[in-house]
Amino acid sequence: DPSGPDTWSLVGHPEGRTVTTAELLGWLER
């Protein structure tokens, strides 16, 4: 879910983890 500019919250994550768009695109490559 969007949680800020280019930032996403992982819904239901026990630690309330977030990830950026850049991080997601990096994982898509790797």
PDB file of all heavy atoms in Angstrom:
ATOM      1  N   ASP A   1       0.845  -1.186   0.000  1.00  0.00           N
ATOM      2  CA  ASP A   1       0.000   0.000   0.000  1.00  0.00           C
ATOM      3  C   ASP A   1       0.882   1.238   0.000  1.00  0.00           C
ATOM      4  O   ASP A   1       1.935   1.248   0.654  1.00  0.00           O
ATOM      5  CB  ASP A   1      -0.900   0.032   1.245  1.00  0.00           C
ATOM      6  CG  ASP A   1      -2.203  -0.710   1.039  1.00  0.00           C
ATOM      7  OD1 ASP A   1      -2.467  -1.140  -0.099  1.00  0.00           O
ATOM      8  OD2 ASP A   1      -2.959  -0.869   2.015  1.00  0.00           O
ATOM      9  N   PRO A   2       0.478   2.288  -0.727  1.00  0.00           N
ATOM     10  CA  PRO A   2       1.293   3.513  -0.708  1.00  0.00           C
ATOM     11  C   PRO A   2       1.318   4.117   0.691  1.00  0.00           C
ATOM     12  O   PRO A   2       0.281   4.221   1.353  1.00  0.00           O
ATOM     13  CB  PRO A   2       0.581   4.416  -1.704  1.00  0.00           C
ATOM     14  CG  PRO A   2      -0.814   3.883  -1.811  1.00  0.00           C
ATOM     15  CD  PRO A   2      -0.717   2.418  -1.567  1.00  0.00           C
ATOM     16  N   SER A   3       2.508   4.506   1.139  1.00  0.00           N
ATOM     17  CA  SER A   3       2.630   5.121   2.467  1.00  0.00           C
ATOM     18  C   SER A   3       3.388   6.438   2.414  1.00  0.00           C
ATOM     19  O   SER A   3       3.711   7.022   3.451  1.00  0.00           O
ATOM     20  CB  SER A   3       3.345   4.169   3.434  1.00  0.00           C
ATOM     21  OG  SER A   3       4.644   3.866   2.968  1.00  0.00           O
ATOM     22  N   GLY A   4       3.710   6.924   1.246  1.00  0.00           N
ATOM     23  CA  GLY A   4       4.430   8.179   1.058  1.00  0.00           C
ATOM     24  C   GLY A   4       4.987   8.217  -0.338  1.00  0.00           C
ATOM     25  O   GLY A   4       4.833   7.259  -1.118  1.00  0.00           O
ATOM     26  N   PRO A   5       5.665   9.300  -0.693  1.00  0.00           N
ATOM     27  CA  PRO A   5       6.249   9.393  -2.040  1.00  0.00           C
ATOM     28  C   PRO A   5       7.224   8.249  -2.301  1.00  0.00           C
ATOM     29  O   PRO A   5       8.214   8.078  -1.589  1.00  0.00           O
ATOM     30  CB  PRO A   5       6.973  10.748  -2.021  1.00  0.00           C
ATOM     31  CG  PRO A   5       6.306  11.527  -0.938  1.00  0.00           C
ATOM     32  CD  PRO A   5       5.908  10.517   0.101  1.00  0.00           C
ATOM     33  N   ASP A   6       6.906   7.441  -3.278  1.00  0.00           N
ATOM     34  CA  ASP A   6       7.761   6.315  -3.678  1.00  0.00           C
ATOM     35  C   ASP A   6       8.084   5.381  -2.521  1.00  0.00           C
ATOM     36  O   ASP A   6       9.161   4.778  -2.475  1.00  0.00           O
ATOM     37  CB  ASP A   6       9.062   6.828  -4.302  1.00  0.00           C
ATOM     38  CG  ASP A   6       8.840   7.455  -5.674  1.00  0.00           C
ATOM     39  OD1 ASP A   6       7.981   6.933  -6.414  1.00  0.00           O
ATOM     40  OD2 ASP A   6       9.496   8.458  -5.982  1.00  0.00           O
ATOM     41  N   THR A   7       7.134   5.228  -1.594  1.00  0.00           N
ATOM     42  CA  THR A   7       7.316   4.347  -0.443  1.00  0.00           C
ATOM     43  C   THR A   7       6.055   3.503  -0.267  1.00  0.00           C
ATOM     44  O   THR A   7       4.943   3.998  -0.431  1.00  0.00           O
ATOM     45  CB  THR A   7       7.587   5.147   0.842  1.00  0.00           C
ATOM     46  OG1 THR A   7       8.713   6.002   0.618  1.00  0.00           O
ATOM     47  CG2 THR A   7       7.902   4.218   2.012  1.00  0.00           C
ATOM     48  N   TRP A   8       6.280   2.241   0.089  1.00  0.00           N
ATOM     49  CA  TRP A   8       5.161   1.307   0.203  1.00  0.00           C
ATOM     50  C   TRP A   8       5.233   0.587   1.535  1.00  0.00           C
ATOM     51  O   TRP A   8       6.313   0.166   1.970  1.00  0.00           O
ATOM     52  CB  TRP A   8       5.214   0.268  -0.924  1.00  0.00           C
ATOM     53  CG  TRP A   8       5.399   0.872  -2.280  1.00  0.00           C
ATOM     54  CD1 TRP A   8       6.582   1.161  -2.897  1.00  0.00           C
ATOM     55  CD2 TRP A   8       4.372   1.297  -3.182  1.00  0.00           C
ATOM     56  NE1 TRP A   8       6.361   1.731  -4.123  1.00  0.00           N
ATOM     57  CE2 TRP A   8       5.014   1.827  -4.332  1.00  0.00           C
ATOM     58  CE3 TRP A   8       2.981   1.278  -3.137  1.00  0.00           C
ATOM     59  CZ2 TRP A   8       4.312   2.323  -5.420  1.00  0.00           C
ATOM     60  CZ3 TRP A   8       2.277   1.769  -4.217  1.00  0.00           C
ATOM     61  CH2 TRP A   8       2.930   2.281  -5.332  1.00  0.00           C
ATOM     62  N   SER A   9       4.089   0.426   2.174  1.00  0.00           N
ATOM     63  CA  SER A   9       4.021  -0.398   3.381  1.00  0.00           C
ATOM     64  C   SER A   9       3.610  -1.807   2.984  1.00  0.00           C
ATOM     65  O   SER A   9       2.789  -1.993   2.074  1.00  0.00           O
ATOM     66  CB  SER A   9       3.020   0.186   4.374  1.00  0.00           C
ATOM     67  OG  SER A   9       1.718   0.193   3.826  1.00  0.00           O
ATOM     68  N   LEU A  10       4.205  -2.796   3.647  1.00  0.00           N
ATOM     69  CA  LEU A  10       3.874  -4.191   3.383  1.00  0.00           C
ATOM     70  C   LEU A  10       2.720  -4.583   4.303  1.00  0.00           C
ATOM     71  O   LEU A  10       2.883  -4.695   5.514  1.00  0.00           O
ATOM     72  CB  LEU A  10       5.091  -5.085   3.624  1.00  0.00           C
ATOM     73  CG  LEU A  10       6.324  -4.740   2.773  1.00  0.00           C
ATOM     74  CD1 LEU A  10       7.444  -5.738   3.032  1.00  0.00           C
ATOM     75  CD2 LEU A  10       5.981  -4.697   1.292  1.00  0.00           C
ATOM     76  N   VAL A  11       1.545  -4.761   3.723  1.00  0.00           N
ATOM     77  CA  VAL A  11       0.314  -4.963   4.481  1.00  0.00           C
ATOM     78  C   VAL A  11       0.382  -6.278   5.265  1.00  0.00           C
ATOM     79  O   VAL A  11       0.597  -7.342   4.695  1.00  0.00           O
ATOM     80  CB  VAL A  11      -0.908  -4.973   3.537  1.00  0.00           C
ATOM     81  CG1 VAL A  11      -2.190  -5.178   4.342  1.00  0.00           C
ATOM     82  CG2 VAL A  11      -0.974  -3.684   2.741  1.00  0.00           C
ATOM     83  N   GLY A  12       0.228  -6.162   6.589  1.00  0.00           N
ATOM     84  CA  GLY A  12       0.233  -7.347   7.430  1.00  0.00           C
ATOM     85  C   GLY A  12       1.594  -7.757   7.923  1.00  0.00           C
ATOM     86  O   GLY A  12       1.714  -8.735   8.679  1.00  0.00           O
ATOM     87  N   HIS A  13       2.644  -7.048   7.536  1.00  0.00           N
ATOM     88  CA  HIS A  13       3.985  -7.408   7.999  1.00  0.00           C
ATOM     89  C   HIS A  13       4.076  -7.183   9.510  1.00  0.00           C
ATOM     90  O   HIS A  13       3.678  -6.129  10.004  1.00  0.00           O
ATOM     91  CB  HIS A  13       5.053  -6.579   7.288  1.00  0.00           C
ATOM     92  CG  HIS A  13       6.443  -7.106   7.464  1.00  0.00           C
ATOM     93  ND1 HIS A  13       7.167  -6.912   8.621  1.00  0.00           N
ATOM     94  CD2 HIS A  13       7.234  -7.855   6.639  1.00  0.00           C
ATOM     95  CE1 HIS A  13       8.350  -7.483   8.496  1.00  0.00           C
ATOM     96  NE2 HIS A  13       8.417  -8.062   7.307  1.00  0.00           N
ATOM     97  N   PRO A  14       4.559  -8.170  10.267  1.00  0.00           N
ATOM     98  CA  PRO A  14       4.549  -8.040  11.734  1.00  0.00           C
ATOM     99  C   PRO A  14       5.373  -6.884  12.265  1.00  0.00           C
ATOM    100  O   PRO A  14       5.118  -6.391  13.367  1.00  0.00           O
ATOM    101  CB  PRO A  14       5.121  -9.386  12.201  1.00  0.00           C
ATOM    102  CG  PRO A  14       5.845  -9.951  11.028  1.00  0.00           C
ATOM    103  CD  PRO A  14       5.113  -9.463   9.826  1.00  0.00           C
ATOM    104  N   GLU A  15       6.348  -6.427  11.490  1.00  0.00           N
ATOM    105  CA  GLU A  15       7.183  -5.313  11.943  1.00  0.00           C
ATOM    106  C   GLU A  15       6.823  -4.003  11.261  1.00  0.00           C
ATOM    107  O   GLU A  15       7.538  -3.006  11.388  1.00  0.00           O
ATOM    108  CB  GLU A  15       8.658  -5.642  11.687  1.00  0.00           C
ATOM    109  CG  GLU A  15       9.145  -6.876  12.434  1.00  0.00           C
ATOM    110  CD  GLU A  15      10.546  -7.280  12.016  1.00  0.00           C
ATOM    111  OE1 GLU A  15      11.164  -6.530  11.219  1.00  0.00           O
ATOM    112  OE2 GLU A  15      11.021  -8.326  12.474  1.00  0.00           O
ATOM    113  N   GLY A  16       5.704  -3.986  10.523  1.00  0.00           N
ATOM    114  CA  GLY A  16       5.279  -2.774   9.834  1.00  0.00           C
ATOM    115  C   GLY A  16       6.291  -2.304   8.814  1.00  0.00           C
ATOM    116  O   GLY A  16       6.487  -1.099   8.618  1.00  0.00           O
ATOM    117  N   ARG A  17       6.895  -3.212   8.126  1.00  0.00           N
ATOM    118  CA  ARG A  17       7.995  -2.900   7.219  1.00  0.00           C
ATOM    119  C   ARG A  17       7.527  -2.090   6.019  1.00  0.00           C
ATOM    120  O   ARG A  17       6.414  -2.266   5.518  1.00  0.00           O
ATOM    121  CB  ARG A  17       8.656  -4.196   6.743  1.00  0.00           C
ATOM    122  CG  ARG A  17       9.912  -4.002   5.921  1.00  0.00           C
ATOM    123  CD  ARG A  17      10.645  -5.316   5.770  1.00  0.00           C
ATOM    124  NE  ARG A  17      11.733  -5.218   4.822  1.00  0.00           N
ATOM    125  CZ  ARG A  17      12.548  -6.225   4.525  1.00  0.00           C
ATOM    126  NH1 ARG A  17      12.387  -7.395   5.130  1.00  0.00           N
ATOM    127  NH2 ARG A  17      13.519  -6.073   3.650  1.00  0.00           N
ATOM    128  N   THR A  18       8.405  -1.208   5.552  1.00  0.00           N
ATOM    129  CA  THR A  18       8.157  -0.441   4.333  1.00  0.00           C
ATOM    130  C   THR A  18       9.287  -0.692   3.345  1.00  0.00           C
ATOM    131  O   THR A  18      10.367  -1.175   3.705  1.00  0.00           O
ATOM    132  CB  THR A  18       8.059   1.062   4.616  1.00  0.00           C
ATOM    133  OG1 THR A  18       9.305   1.522   5.162  1.00  0.00           O
ATOM    134  CG2 THR A  18       6.926   1.372   5.586  1.00  0.00           C
ATOM    135  N   VAL A  19       9.041  -0.352   2.090  1.00  0.00           N
ATOM    136  CA  VAL A  19      10.037  -0.533   1.039  1.00  0.00           C
ATOM    137  C   VAL A  19       9.841   0.583   0.020  1.00  0.00           C
ATOM    138  O   VAL A  19       8.712   1.043  -0.210  1.00  0.00           O
ATOM    139  CB  VAL A  19       9.897  -1.933   0.392  1.00  0.00           C
ATOM    140  CG1 VAL A  19       8.541  -2.084  -0.279  1.00  0.00           C
ATOM    141  CG2 VAL A  19      11.032  -2.214  -0.575  1.00  0.00           C
ATOM    142  N   THR A  20      10.923   1.048  -0.577  1.00  0.00           N
ATOM    143  CA  THR A  20      10.827   2.113  -1.569  1.00  0.00           C
ATOM    144  C   THR A  20      10.659   1.538  -2.961  1.00  0.00           C
ATOM    145  O   THR A  20      10.970   0.360  -3.212  1.00  0.00           O
ATOM    146  CB  THR A  20      12.078   3.002  -1.549  1.00  0.00           C
ATOM    147  OG1 THR A  20      13.199   2.215  -1.996  1.00  0.00           O
ATOM    148  CG2 THR A  20      12.344   3.550  -0.153  1.00  0.00           C
ATOM    149  N   THR A  21      10.208   2.385  -3.874  1.00  0.00           N
ATOM    150  CA  THR A  21      10.080   1.954  -5.263  1.00  0.00           C
ATOM    151  C   THR A  21      11.427   1.531  -5.827  1.00  0.00           C
ATOM    152  O   THR A  21      11.537   0.525  -6.541  1.00  0.00           O
ATOM    153  CB  THR A  21       9.481   3.081  -6.118  1.00  0.00           C
ATOM    154  OG1 THR A  21       8.187   3.422  -5.600  1.00  0.00           O
ATOM    155  CG2 THR A  21       9.346   2.666  -7.569  1.00  0.00           C
ATOM    156  N   ALA A  22      12.468   2.284  -5.479  1.00  0.00           N
ATOM    157  CA  ALA A  22      13.802   1.940  -5.971  1.00  0.00           C
ATOM    158  C   ALA A  22      14.234   0.567  -5.478  1.00  0.00           C
ATOM    159  O   ALA A  22      14.839  -0.222  -6.231  1.00  0.00           O
ATOM    160  CB  ALA A  22      14.807   3.005  -5.529  1.00  0.00           C
ATOM    161  N   GLU A  23      13.916   0.252  -4.237  1.00  0.00           N
ATOM    162  CA  GLU A  23      14.264  -1.068  -3.705  1.00  0.00           C
ATOM    163  C   GLU A  23      13.499  -2.169  -4.438  1.00  0.00           C
ATOM    164  O   GLU A  23      14.059  -3.234  -4.765  1.00  0.00           O
ATOM    165  CB  GLU A  23      13.975  -1.130  -2.212  1.00  0.00           C
ATOM    166  CG  GLU A  23      14.947  -0.301  -1.379  1.00  0.00           C
ATOM    167  CD  GLU A  23      14.538  -0.220   0.077  1.00  0.00           C
ATOM    168  OE1 GLU A  23      13.306  -0.183   0.359  1.00  0.00           O
ATOM    169  OE2 GLU A  23      15.428  -0.179   0.943  1.00  0.00           O
ATOM    170  N   LEU A  24      12.218  -1.942  -4.676  1.00  0.00           N
ATOM    171  CA  LEU A  24      11.421  -2.940  -5.392  1.00  0.00           C
ATOM    172  C   LEU A  24      11.977  -3.180  -6.792  1.00  0.00           C
ATOM    173  O   LEU A  24      12.114  -4.329  -7.236  1.00  0.00           O
ATOM    174  CB  LEU A  24       9.964  -2.490  -5.486  1.00  0.00           C
ATOM    175  CG  LEU A  24       9.156  -2.482  -4.183  1.00  0.00           C
ATOM    176  CD1 LEU A  24       7.779  -1.883  -4.439  1.00  0.00           C
ATOM    177  CD2 LEU A  24       9.018  -3.906  -3.624  1.00  0.00           C
ATOM    178  N   LEU A  25      12.304  -2.114  -7.503  1.00  0.00           N
ATOM    179  CA  LEU A  25      12.830  -2.270  -8.853  1.00  0.00           C
ATOM    180  C   LEU A  25      14.191  -2.965  -8.836  1.00  0.00           C
ATOM    181  O   LEU A  25      14.517  -3.739  -9.749  1.00  0.00           O
ATOM    182  CB  LEU A  25      12.929  -0.905  -9.538  1.00  0.00           C
ATOM    183  CG  LEU A  25      11.592  -0.172  -9.741  1.00  0.00           C
ATOM    184  CD1 LEU A  25      11.811   1.166 -10.429  1.00  0.00           C
ATOM    185  CD2 LEU A  25      10.614  -1.034 -10.547  1.00  0.00           C
ATOM    186  N   GLY A  26      14.942  -2.701  -7.783  1.00  0.00           N
ATOM    187  CA  GLY A  26      16.221  -3.392  -7.654  1.00  0.00           C
ATOM    188  C   GLY A  26      16.035  -4.887  -7.473  1.00  0.00           C
ATOM    189  O   GLY A  26      16.750  -5.698  -8.086  1.00  0.00           O
ATOM    190  N   TRP A  27      15.082  -5.274  -6.629  1.00  0.00           N
ATOM    191  CA  TRP A  27      14.806  -6.697  -6.445  1.00  0.00           C
ATOM    192  C   TRP A  27      14.262  -7.325  -7.723  1.00  0.00           C
ATOM    193  O   TRP A  27      14.545  -8.496  -8.020  1.00  0.00           O
ATOM    194  CB  TRP A  27      13.819  -6.909  -5.298  1.00  0.00           C
ATOM    195  CG  TRP A  27      14.448  -6.787  -3.948  1.00  0.00           C
ATOM    196  CD1 TRP A  27      14.197  -5.867  -2.981  1.00  0.00           C
ATOM    197  CD2 TRP A  27      15.471  -7.641  -3.418  1.00  0.00           C
ATOM    198  NE1 TRP A  27      14.984  -6.072  -1.883  1.00  0.00           N
ATOM    199  CE2 TRP A  27      15.781  -7.167  -2.120  1.00  0.00           C
ATOM    200  CE3 TRP A  27      16.156  -8.746  -3.902  1.00  0.00           C
ATOM    201  CZ2 TRP A  27      16.740  -7.758  -1.304  1.00  0.00           C
ATOM    202  CZ3 TRP A  27      17.110  -9.351  -3.110  1.00  0.00           C
ATOM    203  CH2 TRP A  27      17.396  -8.859  -1.818  1.00  0.00           C
ATOM    204  N   LEU A  28      13.487  -6.572  -8.498  1.00  0.00           N
ATOM    205  CA  LEU A  28      12.994  -7.095  -9.765  1.00  0.00           C
ATOM    206  C   LEU A  28      14.138  -7.445 -10.704  1.00  0.00           C
ATOM    207  O   LEU A  28      14.061  -8.403 -11.483  1.00  0.00           O
ATOM    208  CB  LEU A  28      12.058  -6.086 -10.434  1.00  0.00           C
ATOM    209  CG  LEU A  28      10.558  -6.243 -10.220  1.00  0.00           C
ATOM    210  CD1 LEU A  28       9.800  -5.121 -10.886  1.00  0.00           C
ATOM    211  CD2 LEU A  28      10.065  -7.587 -10.731  1.00  0.00           C
ATOM    212  N   GLU A  29      15.190  -6.667 -10.655  1.00  0.00           N
ATOM    213  CA  GLU A  29      16.350  -6.951 -11.492  1.00  0.00           C
ATOM    214  C   GLU A  29      17.142  -8.143 -10.965  1.00  0.00           C
ATOM    215  O   GLU A  29      17.565  -9.011 -11.727  1.00  0.00           O
ATOM    216  CB  GLU A  29      17.260  -5.716 -11.549  1.00  0.00           C
ATOM    217  CG  GLU A  29      16.694  -4.558 -12.344  1.00  0.00           C
ATOM    218  CD  GLU A  29      16.599  -4.876 -13.834  1.00  0.00           C
ATOM    219  OE1 GLU A  29      17.427  -5.678 -14.335  1.00  0.00           O
ATOM    220  OE2 GLU A  29      15.690  -4.354 -14.488  1.00  0.00           O
ATOM    221  N   ARG A  30      17.340  -8.189  -9.631  1.00  0.00           N
ATOM    222  CA  ARG A  30      18.230  -9.199  -9.048  1.00  0.00           C
ATOM    223  C   ARG A  30      17.535 -10.531  -8.792  1.00  0.00           C
ATOM    224  O   ARG A  30      18.112 -11.600  -9.015  1.00  0.00           O
ATOM    225  CB  ARG A  30      18.819  -8.686  -7.723  1.00  0.00           C
ATOM    226  CG  ARG A  30      19.703  -7.467  -7.853  1.00  0.00           C
ATOM    227  CD  ARG A  30      20.408  -7.155  -6.548  1.00  0.00           C
ATOM    228  NE  ARG A  30      19.498  -6.932  -5.440  1.00  0.00           N
ATOM    229  CZ  ARG A  30      18.914  -5.765  -5.152  1.00  0.00           C
ATOM    230  NH1 ARG A  30      19.143  -4.718  -5.924  1.00  0.00           N
ATOM    231  NH2 ARG A  30      18.109  -5.645  -4.118  1.00  0.00           N
TER     232      ARG A  30
END
